[in-house]
Amino acid sequence: MLMAIHATINKISLNIANMDRHYYHTHELTIAQHPSETDYRFMIRVIAFAANAHEQLHFCKGLDDEDEPELWQKNLTDDIELWIDLGQPDEKRIRKACGRAKQVIIYTYHAGKAKFWREQLAKKLQRFNNLTLIHINA
């Protein structure tokens, strides 16, 4: 009998002092790390949170749910203000995100894969005015 591997639960205290956005806050985060998620990818999620920190920014189900991003920020009427994904999502997912959210940010982190992905989708992504692509060169 095989037993399922459970997610690792990580607790992080993150102090944000962002003078450009005038945002100063301490976040006590409890973040689940999916069994198939590498430590490297997990840290990219934390970096994405830190770079976009807001009191309403939350981690989603991520790898466990195709309908949710890695992180999102919703307003009081449940509209999605910010949708954050990682890696190289397909065009359909990007189109869906840009249609549902005011702003979409995709963080890429594997240099070779990200460059190829970006070149393949460059023309198709130009039409999304609310999309920002950021590569983290770690």
Foldseek 3Di string as FASTA:
>chain_A
DDDDDFWDWDWDWDFADDPVVRDTDIDTDIDTHGPVHDPVVVVVLVVVCNVVPDPQKDADPDPVDLVAARIFGADPVRQTAEGEHEAQDDPVSVVVDLVRYQAYEYEYEDVVRVVVSCVVCVVVCVVRPRYHYHYDDD
